Structure formats: structure tokens, C-alpha cells
Amino acid sequence: MNGFFRVIGVAGALVFGQGAMLAGPPDPCSLLTAAQVSAVLGATAGEGKAVTPKYCQWTAPGKDGGSQKVALTISDAQRFAYAKMPVNSPSITKTPVSGVGDEAVFGTTAGQAASITVKRGDSYFAVSLMGVPMSNAQAVATQLAKEVLAKL
């Protein structure tokens, strides 16, 4: 009888292990909630809207009458390497961030958009911000990245 349970256990591990491999990347809209986004933006964000299977966006009113947007993109090693790559441009900044995943980099583009790109194990993602004041963009992006990491 003991051998029978061992075979069942191995078969179950193979089936469930294969199912996990076939699952693919997580749904980015499931990794943040509107409440989490609202809390860091200080404005009520709508529910996340899937733009593609690897990209989800939340929108909230901005302080200047415009809108604030948070996007979560499921990424890969190649895009992470690109995010870290130095750029010789006065309108683009890239700064390593410690304490977020295995490795992370925060970047801004022309003082209008910001993102944090994160690697943890074999998982990669980016949290991007538009319409958020650059003075607190790194803190906002970092907090949201930590929220995502808690669900990965």
C-alpha cells in the first residue's frame, strides 16, 4: 500500500507541477487593487483595465484637473536589462533601487513619466506612472512595486 501512495504522490506532483508551468505569467490586473493604487496616489482610482494580457492600467483624477495613471506590465529578462542600460540623455534618468525584489531600477523620462522595473527570481515587472508629480514618483512606484511583490 505504501508504494501505491508514493506513485500517486509522484503522479500528482508531476500533474500539478506541469499545470504550474503551463499557467504562464500572472494577470497584471490581479496584482494591484484599485484601493492600493488609490492609497498611494491620494485620489480614487478606478478598477484596473487590461490593455493586453501583460499590461493593466488604473486611472485616477490628478490634482491639476488632468489624470494620474498607473500601469503594471509583466516583463522579461531582456526588457529588464534594457531598463538598466545607461543612456546618454539629459531627459532620461535611471537609478538603482535597493530593497525591492532582487534588483530594481527607477527611471524618469523628461520629468513627465516614471517607472520602476523589478526582478525577483525569474519574475520581471514594471510599474509606470504618468501624471504623478515627479517629487514623489519614486516613493509611489516603490510602494506599488512592493505591493506587487507581496502577491508574486
Protein backbone atom coordinates (compact mmCIF):
# COMPACT_ATOMS: atom_id res chain seq x y z
CA MET A 1 0.00 0.00 0.00
CA ASN A 2 2.84 2.41 0.82
CA GLY A 3 4.24 2.04 -2.74
CA PHE A 4 0.79 2.85 -4.18
CA PHE A 5 0.62 6.17 -2.29
CA ARG A 6 4.17 7.01 -3.35
CA VAL A 7 3.23 6.53 -7.03
CA ILE A 8 0.06 8.60 -6.58
CA GLY A 9 2.10 11.33 -4.85
CA VAL A 10 4.71 11.43 -7.66
CA ALA A 11 1.99 11.44 -10.33
CA GLY A 12 0.17 14.26 -8.54
CA ALA A 13 3.38 16.28 -8.25
CA LEU A 14 4.01 15.84 -11.98
CA VAL A 15 0.47 16.85 -12.92
CA PHE A 16 0.37 19.87 -10.60
CA GLY A 17 3.93 20.86 -11.50
CA GLN A 18 3.09 20.74 -15.20
CA GLY A 19 -0.05 22.78 -14.59
CA ALA A 20 2.02 25.44 -12.87
CA MET A 21 4.42 25.57 -15.82
CA LEU A 22 1.53 25.97 -18.25
CA ALA A 23 -0.08 28.72 -16.21
CA GLY A 24 2.05 31.45 -17.81
CA PRO A 25 2.58 34.93 -16.45
CA PRO A 26 0.20 36.30 -13.84
CA ASP A 27 -2.69 38.59 -14.77
CA PRO A 28 -1.29 42.07 -14.08
CA CYS A 29 -4.75 43.36 -13.06
CA SER A 30 -4.79 40.82 -10.23
CA LEU A 31 -1.53 42.08 -8.72
CA LEU A 32 -2.77 45.50 -7.59
CA THR A 33 -6.17 46.67 -6.42
CA ALA A 34 -7.88 49.99 -7.03
CA ALA A 35 -7.66 50.57 -3.25
CA GLN A 36 -3.87 50.09 -3.25
CA VAL A 37 -3.44 52.45 -6.20
CA SER A 38 -5.81 55.00 -4.64
CA ALA A 39 -3.93 54.91 -1.33
CA VAL A 40 -0.56 55.81 -2.85
CA LEU A 41 -1.95 58.36 -5.32
CA GLY A 42 -4.16 60.11 -2.78
CA ALA A 43 -7.07 60.01 -5.24
CA THR A 44 -9.75 57.44 -6.03
CA ALA A 45 -8.58 55.17 -8.83
CA GLY A 46 -10.88 53.10 -10.98
CA GLU A 47 -10.53 49.35 -11.32
CA GLY A 48 -7.59 48.13 -13.37
CA LYS A 49 -8.30 47.71 -17.07
CA ALA A 50 -6.43 45.08 -19.05
CA VAL A 51 -4.98 46.67 -22.18
CA THR A 52 -3.12 43.49 -23.19
CA PRO A 53 -2.64 40.18 -21.34
CA LYS A 54 0.58 41.58 -19.82
CA TYR A 55 -0.47 45.22 -19.28
CA CYS A 56 -3.04 46.69 -16.88
CA GLN A 57 -3.82 50.35 -16.21
CA TRP A 58 -5.55 52.25 -13.37
CA THR A 59 -6.66 55.89 -13.71
CA ALA A 60 -7.37 58.49 -11.02
CA PRO A 61 -8.09 62.21 -11.12
CA GLY A 62 -4.99 64.40 -10.99
CA LYS A 63 -4.50 67.40 -8.74
CA ASP A 64 -4.30 69.77 -11.74
CA GLY A 65 -7.51 68.61 -13.40
CA GLY A 66 -5.73 66.02 -15.55
CA SER A 67 -5.42 62.35 -14.72
CA GLN A 68 -2.92 60.14 -12.97
CA LYS A 69 -2.22 56.74 -14.47
CA VAL A 70 -0.57 53.67 -13.03
CA ALA A 71 0.35 50.84 -15.36
CA LEU A 72 1.66 47.40 -14.46
CA THR A 73 3.49 45.47 -17.15
CA ILE A 74 4.63 41.87 -16.83
CA SER A 75 8.09 41.88 -18.33
CA ASP A 76 11.06 39.62 -19.10
CA ALA A 77 14.85 39.46 -18.65
CA GLN A 78 15.55 41.28 -21.90
CA ARG A 79 13.35 44.26 -21.03
CA PHE A 80 14.83 44.35 -17.54
CA ALA A 81 18.33 44.53 -19.00
CA TYR A 82 17.18 47.36 -21.26
CA ALA A 83 15.68 49.23 -18.30
CA LYS A 84 19.06 49.09 -16.52
CA MET A 85 21.10 50.08 -19.57
CA PRO A 86 22.74 53.51 -19.16
CA VAL A 87 21.50 56.20 -21.54
CA ASN A 88 23.31 59.36 -22.51
CA SER A 89 20.35 61.72 -22.46
CA PRO A 90 19.58 64.66 -20.20
CA SER A 91 15.85 63.83 -20.34
CA ILE A 92 16.17 60.23 -19.11
CA THR A 93 17.35 59.18 -15.65
CA LYS A 94 17.97 55.67 -14.33
CA THR A 95 18.77 54.93 -10.69
CA PRO A 96 19.24 51.55 -8.96
CA VAL A 97 16.78 50.95 -6.10
CA SER A 98 17.69 48.72 -3.17
CA GLY A 99 15.24 46.78 -1.04
CA VAL A 100 12.82 46.00 -3.87
CA GLY A 101 12.97 42.45 -5.25
CA ASP A 102 16.37 41.01 -6.16
CA GLU A 103 17.15 44.07 -8.24
CA ALA A 104 15.24 47.18 -9.32
CA VAL A 105 15.81 50.37 -11.28
CA PHE A 106 13.81 53.59 -11.18
CA GLY A 107 13.70 55.80 -14.24
CA THR A 108 12.12 59.02 -15.41
CA THR A 109 11.53 60.37 -18.90
CA ALA A 110 11.54 64.13 -19.46
CA GLY A 111 10.15 64.71 -15.99
CA GLN A 112 6.72 63.51 -17.16
CA ALA A 113 6.68 59.75 -16.69
CA ALA A 114 8.37 57.43 -14.23
CA SER A 115 8.74 53.71 -13.75
CA ILE A 116 10.31 51.13 -11.53
CA THR A 117 11.37 47.89 -13.18
CA VAL A 118 11.82 44.93 -10.84
CA LYS A 119 13.41 41.49 -10.99
CA ARG A 120 12.70 38.79 -8.42
CA GLY A 121 13.87 35.31 -9.32
CA ASP A 122 12.52 34.62 -12.81
CA SER A 123 9.75 37.23 -12.50
CA TYR A 124 10.02 40.69 -14.01
CA PHE A 125 7.58 43.59 -14.00
CA ALA A 126 7.40 47.35 -14.29
CA VAL A 127 5.16 49.85 -12.55
CA SER A 128 4.82 53.01 -14.62
CA LEU A 129 3.36 56.36 -13.58
CA MET A 130 2.02 59.21 -15.69
CA GLY A 131 0.58 62.45 -14.36
CA VAL A 132 2.10 61.85 -10.92
CA PRO A 133 4.29 64.65 -9.52
CA MET A 134 7.93 63.70 -10.04
CA SER A 135 8.72 64.89 -6.50
CA ASN A 136 7.12 61.73 -5.05
CA ALA A 137 7.09 59.42 -8.08
CA GLN A 138 9.87 57.16 -6.79
CA ALA A 139 8.11 56.66 -3.45
CA VAL A 140 4.79 55.91 -5.19
CA ALA A 141 6.35 53.50 -7.70
CA THR A 142 8.37 51.74 -4.99
CA GLN A 143 5.34 51.27 -2.74
CA LEU A 144 3.29 49.81 -5.60
CA ALA A 145 6.17 47.52 -6.60
CA LYS A 146 6.29 46.18 -3.03
CA GLU A 147 2.52 45.55 -3.19
CA VAL A 148 3.03 43.54 -6.40
CA LEU A 149 5.92 41.57 -4.86
CA ALA A 150 3.67 40.57 -1.96
CA LYS A 151 1.40 38.76 -4.46
CA LEU A 152 4.08 37.11 -6.60
